[in-house]
Amino acid sequence: MNKTLERNQNGTVIMNLKNLKIICEREGLYQNPENNDTLYLHFKGFDKIENLEPYFNLVALWLNNNALQKIEGLCQLKKLISLFLNHNLIDKIENVSALQDLVTLNLSHNSIKKIENIASLTKLQNLNLSHNQLTNYESLMEIQDCPSIQNLDLSNNHISYEEPIISIFQSTNIGCLYLKSNSFVRECPNYRKTIVVAIKTLQFLDDKPVTPGERKISEAWFIGGKEAEQQERVSQIEIKREQDHQIYLQTLERQQRGETRNQLLNQQQQLCKEIRQLQIQYFDGEEVDELLEQKENELKNVELELEKYQVDNIAPHQCFLTTKDDEGNVVILNKTEDEAKQIRDRYFNQEMQQINQKFDDNNVEQKLINQQLEPEEEVEEEVEQVYQQPNKKSKFIINLDSAPQIPKIDKKASQLREWKQKREGWTIDHDELLENLLMYHQFNFDAVSDEFKRIMAYEDQDLKYIESDDLRIIWTFIELSKYRNKIPQKLEQIE
């Protein structure tokens, strides 16, 4: 097929089916005319619209920047929504009544002298007639017969001021109007206020939005003149000043609430430190019951006060950061213990179950069942192998979803008192096991607590206080006991 566009005797490109197919091929469109819903025929040099009947499914047609002198040949394009005829030689709006679905019509940069034949376009919303030859009331009057128009561009014409033109705009529902670069703008008294009052639906006029405040000022001017306009301006200034004052008060209140909240948080943190120190002292043999109870009550009061200054919380699963420890376990970074537990249950529970299933065959209990070994001997052998080889990773599977939650401080204090009295089953061997586990897990008390529980279960021992916080206090007690009977040296250097 010859890919060159055919031309007439004058050298102008002809709008025939052959040329249209060549253009479609160049533009990446379908060769079958009925399959196309868009057609790009701009900058082709056409001087006549013809042979478009097979393209009856067109929705958008670009015919801009050609040499067209007349609107014709479009009657079969009944589905057309957007039509671009700008930058041509058209001097009359005609032959568009069949385009009942037309929404956008661009006729800018032509030679049109009058708006006509658009009353039947009941869906037309966007009409661009800028850079034409519109002049007076008669050339604009049919705008009021097309109330569907919302965006109208009449800029850069020759429209002069005539009072009846205002009545044309009053009967429209225009939201965006361009009249700039017309003598009408200079000649119309109080141009902007007049147009704003005339068009109740206007939201944009000549590159500037019409604000509610401007509309109230314009309407006040229209009713009471300059004096009413000035009063409205003063009223708006007072309203704006009051709004700014309310915003300032709200900001100040938020700032004060934030400062109070920070103070309460600092008090809470300080009380927690003091309570933990008192718990260690209590654990170490000093009687501090009354002071400990006093601090716990103060902490409860601070927490109750904090509830009055709660900030909006982000949903716990909207955003979270995770990493993995040396054992490959998932660690939630930027969440509290409760939120981390919810995240594990929702996103990682299934993953951890799969991991546990994968290692079930290597689990100590499974070995005991398969090989029918004595439980105590097998567990002792496994534990011994783990602690004699520091570089070997533990075979015990740690399930993060069942990780213990740190209890509240007031409950912990009562538990420590009970533990101090009973110390059920704790021996020197447990001290050594705790030390080995802490060294192996690099003082990760959560991991140590989980593994401690498993070992105690295998050995059929019932130790009550083996949560992570319990082990922290026990380890502190062990360390303090090493230096209990030592006398400080070189006291003369201490001021």
Protein backbone atom coordinates (compact mmCIF):
# COMPACT_ATOMS: atom_id res chain seq x y z
CA MET A 1 0.00 0.00 0.00
CA ASN A 2 1.22 3.45 -0.88
CA LYS A 3 1.70 5.31 2.41
CA THR A 4 1.62 8.77 0.79
CA LEU A 5 -1.52 10.84 1.40
CA GLU A 6 -3.49 11.64 -1.74
CA ARG A 7 -3.96 15.31 -2.67
CA ASN A 8 -6.24 17.21 -5.05
CA GLN A 9 -5.20 19.43 -7.94
CA ASN A 10 -4.55 22.30 -5.53
CA GLY A 11 -2.16 20.20 -3.49
CA THR A 12 -4.56 19.92 -0.53
CA VAL A 13 -4.88 16.59 1.29
CA ILE A 14 -8.19 14.87 0.57
CA MET A 15 -10.28 13.43 3.42
CA ASN A 16 -11.04 10.08 1.73
CA LEU A 17 -11.14 6.58 3.23
CA LYS A 18 -7.69 5.68 1.91
CA ASN A 19 -6.06 8.69 3.53
CA LEU A 20 -8.04 8.14 6.73
CA LYS A 21 -6.75 4.55 6.98
CA ILE A 22 -3.18 5.71 6.42
CA ILE A 23 -3.59 8.29 9.17
CA CYS A 24 -5.07 5.68 11.52
CA GLU A 25 -2.11 3.40 10.85
CA ARG A 26 0.34 6.21 11.60
CA GLU A 27 -1.51 7.12 14.81
CA GLY A 28 -1.73 3.50 16.01
CA LEU A 29 -5.51 3.36 15.55
CA TYR A 30 -7.69 0.56 14.15
CA GLN A 31 -7.91 -0.03 10.39
CA ASN A 32 -11.61 -0.83 10.67
CA PRO A 33 -13.32 2.58 10.95
CA GLU A 34 -16.11 1.37 13.26
CA ASN A 35 -13.59 0.16 15.87
CA ASN A 36 -12.25 3.64 16.55
CA ASP A 37 -13.70 5.91 19.22
CA THR A 38 -11.07 8.65 18.71
CA LEU A 39 -9.64 10.09 15.53
CA TYR A 40 -6.72 12.51 15.21
CA LEU A 41 -6.98 14.58 11.99
CA HIS A 42 -5.24 17.74 13.17
CA PHE A 43 -2.38 19.42 11.28
CA LYS A 44 -3.19 17.52 8.06
CA GLY A 45 -4.11 20.43 5.78
CA PHE A 46 -7.72 19.37 5.12
CA ASP A 47 -10.01 22.00 3.63
CA LYS A 48 -13.23 19.98 3.77
CA ILE A 49 -14.87 17.52 6.21
CA GLU A 50 -16.11 14.44 4.31
CA ASN A 51 -16.19 10.62 4.21
CA LEU A 52 -16.45 10.23 8.00
CA GLU A 53 -19.68 8.17 7.89
CA PRO A 54 -17.91 4.81 8.55
CA TYR A 55 -16.48 6.26 11.78
CA PHE A 56 -19.91 6.40 13.41
CA ASN A 57 -18.58 5.22 16.81
CA LEU A 58 -16.34 8.23 17.30
CA VAL A 59 -16.49 9.86 20.72
CA ALA A 60 -13.73 12.44 20.24
CA LEU A 61 -12.63 14.05 16.96
CA TRP A 62 -9.63 16.36 16.47
CA LEU A 63 -9.91 18.53 13.35
CA ASN A 64 -8.02 21.53 14.65
CA ASN A 65 -5.23 23.34 12.80
CA ASN A 66 -6.43 22.65 9.29
CA ALA A 67 -7.92 24.87 6.54
CA LEU A 68 -11.58 24.02 7.09
CA GLN A 69 -14.04 26.72 6.01
CA LYS A 70 -17.32 25.04 6.94
CA ILE A 71 -18.75 22.67 9.57
CA GLU A 72 -20.20 19.75 7.60
CA GLY A 73 -20.10 15.97 7.21
CA LEU A 74 -20.66 15.25 10.91
CA CYS A 75 -24.33 14.25 10.94
CA GLN A 76 -23.58 10.50 11.24
CA LEU A 77 -21.33 10.94 14.28
CA LYS A 78 -24.18 10.86 16.76
CA LYS A 79 -22.01 9.51 19.63
CA LEU A 80 -19.58 12.41 19.46
CA ILE A 81 -18.83 14.00 22.84
CA SER A 82 -15.79 16.18 22.12
CA LEU A 83 -15.23 18.09 18.88
CA PHE A 84 -12.15 20.25 18.27
CA LEU A 85 -12.39 22.66 15.31
CA ASN A 86 -10.11 25.39 16.62
CA HIS A 87 -7.52 27.12 14.41
CA ASN A 88 -9.45 26.86 11.15
CA LEU A 89 -11.23 29.30 8.79
CA ILE A 90 -14.82 28.69 9.95
CA ASP A 91 -17.11 31.73 9.97
CA LYS A 92 -20.42 30.16 11.00
CA ILE A 93 -21.70 27.64 13.54
CA GLU A 94 -23.88 25.20 11.58
CA ASN A 95 -24.68 21.53 10.96
CA VAL A 96 -24.18 20.48 14.60
CA SER A 97 -27.81 19.92 15.62
CA ALA A 98 -27.46 16.13 15.13
CA LEU A 99 -24.70 15.93 17.76
CA GLN A 100 -27.06 15.51 20.70
CA ASP A 101 -24.40 14.04 23.02
CA LEU A 102 -21.86 16.79 22.41
CA VAL A 103 -20.32 18.08 25.67
CA THR A 104 -17.23 19.97 24.50
CA LEU A 105 -17.04 22.21 21.42
CA ASN A 106 -13.86 24.15 20.70
CA LEU A 107 -14.20 26.78 17.93
CA SER A 108 -11.49 29.16 19.08
CA HIS A 109 -9.24 30.97 16.56
CA ASN A 110 -11.77 31.09 13.76
CA SER A 111 -13.81 33.87 12.13
CA ILE A 112 -17.21 33.34 13.76
CA LYS A 113 -19.32 36.48 14.01
CA LYS A 114 -22.37 35.12 15.83
CA ILE A 115 -23.31 32.37 18.25
CA GLU A 116 -26.11 30.37 16.62
CA ASN A 117 -27.54 26.87 16.06
CA ILE A 118 -26.53 25.59 19.50
CA ALA A 119 -29.94 25.58 21.20
CA SER A 120 -30.45 21.90 20.31
CA LEU A 121 -27.20 20.88 22.05
CA THR A 122 -28.82 20.10 25.38
CA LYS A 123 -25.70 18.45 26.86
CA LEU A 124 -23.18 21.07 25.80
CA GLN A 125 -21.14 22.19 28.83
CA ASN A 126 -17.87 23.57 27.46
CA LEU A 127 -17.92 26.15 24.65
CA ASN A 128 -14.73 27.90 23.58
CA LEU A 129 -15.21 30.85 21.19
CA SER A 130 -12.12 32.84 22.06
CA HIS A 131 -10.22 34.69 19.29
CA ASN A 132 -13.21 35.11 17.00
CA GLN A 133 -15.16 38.14 15.73
CA LEU A 134 -18.06 38.41 18.20
CA THR A 135 -19.03 42.04 18.72
CA ASN A 136 -22.37 42.89 20.37
CA TYR A 137 -25.60 41.78 22.00
CA GLU A 138 -27.00 40.18 18.82
CA SER A 139 -23.91 38.02 18.40
CA LEU A 140 -24.24 36.65 21.94
CA MET A 141 -27.97 36.37 22.54
CA GLU A 142 -28.32 32.65 21.73
CA ILE A 143 -26.16 31.78 24.76
CA GLN A 144 -29.29 32.08 26.89
CA ASP A 145 -30.97 29.39 24.76
CA CYS A 146 -28.38 26.81 25.87
CA PRO A 147 -28.62 26.69 29.68
CA SER A 148 -26.41 23.58 29.93
CA ILE A 149 -23.25 25.65 29.25
CA GLN A 150 -21.05 25.79 32.36
CA ASN A 151 -17.70 26.91 30.94
CA LEU A 152 -17.72 29.72 28.39
CA ASP A 153 -14.65 31.36 26.89
CA LEU A 154 -15.36 34.62 25.00
CA SER A 155 -11.96 36.20 25.51
CA ASN A 156 -10.07 38.03 22.78
CA ASN A 157 -13.11 39.04 20.74
CA HIS A 158 -14.48 42.51 19.92
CA ILE A 159 -17.37 42.59 22.39
CA SER A 160 -18.26 46.12 23.46
CA TYR A 161 -20.37 47.04 26.47
CA GLU A 162 -24.14 47.01 26.04
CA GLU A 163 -26.43 46.81 29.04
CA PRO A 164 -28.65 44.03 27.55
CA ILE A 165 -25.60 41.73 27.54
CA ILE A 166 -25.88 41.60 31.34
CA SER A 167 -29.38 40.14 30.99
CA ILE A 168 -27.99 37.40 28.73
CA PHE A 169 -25.61 36.28 31.49
CA GLN A 170 -28.35 36.44 34.12
CA SER A 171 -30.30 33.66 32.39
CA THR A 172 -27.36 31.24 32.26
CA ASN A 173 -25.85 28.74 34.70
CA ILE A 174 -22.25 29.53 33.86
CA GLY A 175 -19.66 28.54 36.47
CA CYS A 176 -16.53 29.70 34.62
CA LEU A 177 -16.49 32.76 32.32
CA TYR A 178 -13.68 34.41 30.37
CA LEU A 179 -14.32 37.90 29.01
CA LYS A 180 -10.83 39.34 29.20
CA SER A 181 -9.30 41.17 26.23
CA ASN A 182 -12.64 42.64 25.22
CA SER A 183 -13.58 46.31 25.38
CA PHE A 184 -16.57 45.19 27.45
CA VAL A 185 -14.28 44.73 30.47
CA ARG A 186 -13.07 48.32 30.34
CA GLU A 187 -16.40 49.91 29.48
CA CYS A 188 -18.70 48.09 31.92
CA PRO A 189 -19.06 50.07 35.21
CA ASN A 190 -17.81 48.00 38.15
CA TYR A 191 -17.30 45.14 35.74
CA ARG A 192 -16.39 42.36 38.16
CA LYS A 193 -19.05 43.11 40.77
CA THR A 194 -21.68 43.47 38.04
CA ILE A 195 -20.92 40.07 36.48
CA VAL A 196 -20.69 38.32 39.87
CA VAL A 197 -24.13 39.65 40.85
CA ALA A 198 -25.61 38.82 37.44
CA ILE A 199 -24.47 35.15 37.35
CA LYS A 200 -25.47 33.43 40.61
CA THR A 201 -23.60 30.23 39.73
CA LEU A 202 -20.32 31.90 38.79
CA GLN A 203 -17.25 30.48 40.53
CA PHE A 204 -14.45 31.69 38.27
CA LEU A 205 -14.10 34.93 36.31
CA ASP A 206 -11.08 35.85 34.18
CA ASP A 207 -8.28 33.87 35.87
CA LYS A 208 -9.57 34.63 39.37
CA PRO A 209 -11.95 32.60 41.56
CA VAL A 210 -15.14 34.12 42.88
CA THR A 211 -15.02 33.57 46.65
CA PRO A 212 -18.07 33.59 48.95
CA GLY A 213 -16.71 36.78 50.53
CA GLU A 214 -16.44 38.52 47.17
CA ARG A 215 -19.99 37.49 46.29
CA LYS A 216 -21.36 38.94 49.56
CA ILE A 217 -19.47 42.20 48.97
CA SER A 218 -20.75 42.42 45.38
CA GLU A 219 -24.34 41.76 46.42
CA ALA A 220 -24.08 44.35 49.22
CA TRP A 221 -22.78 46.90 46.70
CA PHE A 222 -25.61 46.07 44.29
CA ILE A 223 -28.24 46.62 47.02
CA GLY A 224 -26.83 49.54 49.01
CA GLY A 225 -23.97 51.01 47.03
CA LYS A 226 -20.54 51.93 48.35
CA GLU A 227 -21.67 52.36 51.95
CA ALA A 228 -23.20 48.87 52.13
CA GLU A 229 -20.11 47.45 50.44
CA GLN A 230 -17.87 49.08 53.07
CA GLN A 231 -20.02 47.74 55.91
CA GLU A 232 -19.82 44.24 54.46
CA ARG A 233 -16.04 44.49 54.20
CA VAL A 234 -15.79 45.59 57.85
CA SER A 235 -18.11 42.76 58.85
CA GLN A 236 -15.98 40.21 57.03
CA ILE A 237 -12.83 41.59 58.66
CA GLU A 238 -14.44 41.17 62.09
CA ILE A 239 -15.55 37.62 61.25
CA LYS A 240 -12.05 36.77 60.01
CA ARG A 241 -10.52 38.27 63.15
CA GLU A 242 -12.84 36.19 65.35
CA GLN A 243 -12.04 33.04 63.39
CA ASP A 244 -8.31 33.69 63.73
CA HIS A 245 -8.77 34.26 67.46
CA GLN A 246 -10.63 30.97 67.84
CA ILE A 247 -7.91 29.16 65.90
CA TYR A 248 -5.30 30.78 68.16
CA LEU A 249 -7.19 29.66 71.29
CA GLN A 250 -7.51 26.13 69.96
CA THR A 251 -3.82 26.04 69.12
CA LEU A 252 -2.93 27.40 72.57
CA GLU A 253 -5.17 24.80 74.23
CA ARG A 254 -3.56 21.99 72.23
CA GLN A 255 -0.14 23.29 73.20
CA GLN A 256 -1.06 23.46 76.89
CA ARG A 257 -2.56 19.97 76.77
CA GLY A 258 0.59 18.71 75.13
CA GLU A 259 2.78 20.28 77.81
CA THR A 260 0.62 18.83 80.57
CA ARG A 261 0.73 15.42 78.92
CA ASN A 262 4.53 15.57 78.65
CA GLN A 263 4.80 16.48 82.32
CA LEU A 264 2.57 13.54 83.29
CA LEU A 265 4.58 11.20 81.08
CA ASN A 266 7.78 12.36 82.75
CA GLN A 267 6.21 11.78 86.17
CA GLN A 268 5.06 8.34 85.08
CA GLN A 269 8.54 7.45 83.85
CA GLN A 270 10.18 8.71 87.05
CA LEU A 271 7.73 6.82 89.27
CA CYS A 272 8.33 3.62 87.29
CA LYS A 273 12.07 3.97 87.89
CA GLU A 274 11.58 4.61 91.61
CA ILE A 275 9.22 1.65 91.94
CA ARG A 276 11.67 -0.68 90.21
CA GLN A 277 14.47 0.49 92.48
CA LEU A 278 12.25 -0.12 95.52
CA GLN A 279 11.36 -3.57 94.22
CA ILE A 280 15.05 -4.42 93.91
CA GLN A 281 15.66 -3.17 97.44
CA TYR A 282 12.68 -5.21 98.68
CA PHE A 283 14.02 -8.24 96.86
CA ASP A 284 17.43 -7.66 98.43
CA GLY A 285 16.01 -7.74 101.96
CA GLU A 286 15.11 -4.15 102.80
CA GLU A 287 11.58 -3.49 104.08
CA VAL A 288 10.08 -0.73 101.93
CA ASP A 289 6.42 -1.80 101.89
CA GLU A 290 4.91 1.57 102.78
CA LEU A 291 7.07 3.59 100.41
CA LEU A 292 6.50 1.10 97.59
CA GLU A 293 2.74 1.20 98.12
CA GLN A 294 2.81 5.01 98.18
CA LYS A 295 4.69 5.19 94.88
CA GLU A 296 2.33 2.65 93.30
CA ASN A 297 -0.68 4.76 94.32
CA GLU A 298 0.96 7.88 92.90
CA LEU A 299 1.56 6.03 89.65
CA LYS A 300 -2.10 5.00 89.45
CA ASN A 301 -3.19 8.60 89.96
CA VAL A 302 -0.84 9.81 87.23
CA GLU A 303 -2.13 7.15 84.81
CA LEU A 304 -5.73 8.15 85.57
CA GLU A 305 -4.85 11.77 84.88
CA LEU A 306 -3.10 10.78 81.64
CA GLU A 307 -6.33 9.29 80.32
CA LYS A 308 -7.75 12.83 80.16
CA TYR A 309 -4.96 13.88 77.78
CA GLN A 310 -5.00 11.00 75.35
CA VAL A 311 -4.07 11.81 71.74
CA ASP A 312 -5.61 10.22 68.67
CA ASN A 313 -4.05 6.81 68.18
CA ILE A 314 -3.17 5.35 64.80
CA ALA A 315 -4.62 1.93 64.18
CA PRO A 316 -1.98 -0.59 65.30
CA HIS A 317 -1.70 -2.28 61.91
CA GLN A 318 -1.51 0.78 59.66
CA CYS A 319 2.27 0.96 59.72
CA PHE A 320 4.89 -1.07 61.57
CA LEU A 321 8.58 -1.90 61.23
CA THR A 322 9.96 -5.41 61.62
CA THR A 323 13.35 -7.04 61.76
CA LYS A 324 14.72 -10.43 62.77
CA ASP A 325 16.99 -11.32 65.65
CA ASP A 326 19.94 -13.72 65.55
CA GLU A 327 17.56 -16.67 65.84
CA GLY A 328 15.43 -15.60 62.86
CA ASN A 329 12.48 -14.54 64.99
CA VAL A 330 10.35 -11.58 63.92
CA VAL A 331 10.77 -8.47 66.10
CA ILE A 332 8.22 -5.60 65.93
CA LEU A 333 10.06 -2.31 66.44
CA ASN A 334 7.81 0.73 66.64
CA LYS A 335 4.85 -0.67 68.61
CA THR A 336 3.88 -1.30 72.20
CA GLU A 337 3.67 -4.82 73.59
CA ASP A 338 -0.10 -5.03 73.07
CA GLU A 339 0.09 -3.71 69.51
CA ALA A 340 3.00 -6.05 68.71
CA LYS A 341 0.96 -8.99 70.00
CA GLN A 342 -1.96 -8.05 67.75
CA ILE A 343 0.35 -7.69 64.76
CA ARG A 344 1.92 -11.09 65.40
CA ASP A 345 -1.49 -12.72 65.68
CA ARG A 346 -2.72 -11.08 62.50
CA TYR A 347 0.30 -11.23 60.18
CA PHE A 348 2.90 -13.65 61.51
CA ASN A 349 0.94 -16.32 63.36
CA GLN A 350 0.56 -18.45 60.25
CA GLU A 351 4.23 -18.02 59.36
CA MET A 352 5.36 -19.12 62.83
CA GLN A 353 3.06 -22.14 62.70
CA GLN A 354 4.68 -23.19 59.44
CA ILE A 355 8.14 -22.79 60.97
CA ASN A 356 7.15 -24.83 64.00
CA GLN A 357 5.74 -27.52 61.74
CA LYS A 358 8.96 -27.56 59.73
CA PHE A 359 11.07 -28.23 62.82
CA ASP A 360 8.66 -30.64 64.49
CA ASP A 361 10.69 -33.63 63.31
CA ASN A 362 13.75 -32.26 65.07
CA ASN A 363 11.93 -31.32 68.24
CA VAL A 364 13.08 -33.00 71.42
CA GLU A 365 9.60 -34.25 72.27
CA GLN A 366 9.20 -35.84 68.81
CA LYS A 367 12.52 -37.61 69.25
CA LEU A 368 11.36 -38.95 72.57
CA ILE A 369 8.18 -40.35 71.01
CA ASN A 370 9.90 -41.89 67.96
CA GLN A 371 12.87 -43.40 69.74
CA GLN A 372 11.10 -44.13 73.05
CA LEU A 373 13.92 -42.66 75.07
CA GLU A 374 13.79 -41.62 78.69
CA PRO A 375 12.66 -37.97 78.85
CA GLU A 376 15.06 -36.80 81.48
CA GLU A 377 18.15 -38.30 79.81
CA GLU A 378 17.27 -36.91 76.36
CA VAL A 379 16.58 -33.42 77.64
CA GLU A 380 19.75 -33.33 79.68
CA GLU A 381 21.75 -34.42 76.63
CA GLU A 382 20.16 -31.74 74.41
CA VAL A 383 20.69 -28.98 76.98
CA GLU A 384 24.28 -30.02 77.57
CA GLN A 385 25.05 -29.94 73.84
CA VAL A 386 23.56 -26.47 73.52
CA TYR A 387 25.57 -24.90 76.33
CA GLN A 388 28.86 -26.65 75.56
CA GLN A 389 28.80 -25.27 72.01
CA PRO A 390 28.28 -21.48 72.16
CA ASN A 391 28.23 -21.08 68.36
CA LYS A 392 25.53 -23.68 67.87
CA LYS A 393 22.02 -22.33 67.64
CA SER A 394 19.33 -23.64 69.94
CA LYS A 395 16.86 -26.20 68.58
CA PHE A 396 14.09 -24.96 70.83
CA ILE A 397 11.43 -23.19 68.77
CA ILE A 398 10.36 -19.83 70.22
CA ASN A 399 6.81 -18.90 69.35
CA LEU A 400 6.51 -15.10 69.39
CA ASP A 401 2.72 -15.24 69.53
CA SER A 402 2.89 -16.84 72.99
CA ALA A 403 5.50 -14.41 74.27
CA PRO A 404 4.67 -13.26 77.81
CA GLN A 405 3.37 -9.76 78.29
CA ILE A 406 4.93 -7.53 80.94
CA PRO A 407 2.44 -7.26 83.81
CA LYS A 408 1.62 -4.02 85.51
CA ILE A 409 3.97 -2.80 88.19
CA ASP A 410 1.48 -3.00 91.04
CA LYS A 411 0.85 -6.70 90.33
CA LYS A 412 4.56 -7.33 89.99
CA ALA A 413 5.21 -5.90 93.44
CA SER A 414 2.74 -8.28 95.09
CA GLN A 415 4.19 -11.21 93.13
CA LEU A 416 7.68 -10.32 94.30
CA ARG A 417 6.52 -10.27 97.90
CA GLU A 418 5.01 -13.71 97.45
CA TRP A 419 8.13 -15.00 95.67
CA LYS A 420 10.34 -13.62 98.43
CA GLN A 421 8.43 -15.63 100.98
CA LYS A 422 8.22 -18.91 99.08
CA ARG A 423 10.98 -19.09 96.44
CA GLU A 424 9.39 -22.27 95.23
CA GLY A 425 11.91 -24.70 93.78
CA TRP A 426 14.67 -22.19 92.89
CA THR A 427 18.18 -23.58 93.46
CA ILE A 428 21.83 -22.74 92.73
CA ASP A 429 21.54 -24.93 89.61
CA HIS A 430 18.89 -22.57 88.32
CA ASP A 431 21.28 -19.65 88.94
CA GLU A 432 23.88 -21.34 86.73
CA LEU A 433 21.34 -22.22 84.06
CA LEU A 434 20.09 -18.61 84.01
CA GLU A 435 23.65 -17.32 83.65
CA ASN A 436 24.38 -19.72 80.76
CA LEU A 437 21.15 -18.81 78.97
CA LEU A 438 21.80 -15.07 79.35
CA MET A 439 25.30 -15.43 77.92
CA TYR A 440 24.07 -17.57 75.04
CA HIS A 441 21.19 -15.24 74.14
CA GLN A 442 23.25 -12.08 74.74
CA PHE A 443 20.98 -10.98 77.63
CA ASN A 444 17.77 -11.12 75.62
CA PHE A 445 15.50 -11.77 78.62
CA ASP A 446 12.44 -12.52 76.48
CA ALA A 447 14.22 -15.33 74.63
CA VAL A 448 15.75 -16.60 77.89
CA SER A 449 12.32 -16.68 79.55
CA ASP A 450 10.80 -18.71 76.70
CA GLU A 451 13.65 -21.23 76.67
CA PHE A 452 13.71 -21.41 80.46
CA LYS A 453 10.03 -22.40 80.39
CA ARG A 454 10.66 -25.15 77.85
CA ILE A 455 13.58 -26.59 79.79
CA MET A 456 11.58 -26.58 83.01
CA ALA A 457 8.72 -28.32 81.21
CA TYR A 458 11.03 -31.03 79.89
CA GLU A 459 12.49 -31.54 83.35
CA ASP A 460 8.98 -31.58 84.84
CA GLN A 461 9.80 -28.71 87.20
CA ASP A 462 7.23 -26.15 88.25
CA LEU A 463 8.88 -22.75 88.70
CA LYS A 464 6.41 -19.94 89.12
CA TYR A 465 8.57 -16.86 88.52
CA ILE A 466 10.30 -17.29 85.16
CA GLU A 467 8.81 -14.41 83.16
CA SER A 468 11.28 -11.99 81.57
CA ASP A 469 10.79 -9.36 84.29
CA ASP A 470 11.15 -12.00 87.02
CA LEU A 471 14.44 -13.15 85.53
CA ARG A 472 15.72 -9.57 85.35
CA ILE A 473 15.16 -9.10 89.09
CA ILE A 474 16.59 -12.54 89.91
CA TRP A 475 19.70 -11.76 87.87
CA THR A 476 20.03 -8.42 89.67
CA PHE A 477 19.77 -10.22 93.00
CA ILE A 478 22.45 -12.73 91.91
CA GLU A 479 24.81 -9.94 90.87
CA LEU A 480 24.20 -7.97 94.08
CA SER A 481 24.83 -11.08 96.16
CA LYS A 482 28.36 -11.37 94.76
CA TYR A 483 29.29 -8.02 96.33
CA ARG A 484 27.18 -8.22 99.48
CA ASN A 485 30.08 -8.76 101.95
CA LYS A 486 32.73 -6.70 100.18
CA ILE A 487 34.05 -3.55 101.84
CA PRO A 488 34.53 -0.52 99.54
CA GLN A 489 38.17 0.43 99.02
CA LYS A 490 39.93 3.82 98.65
CA LEU A 491 37.17 5.81 100.30
CA GLU A 492 39.41 8.82 100.50
CA GLN A 493 38.95 9.37 96.75
CA ILE A 494 35.18 9.66 97.14
CA GLU A 495 33.95 13.18 97.79
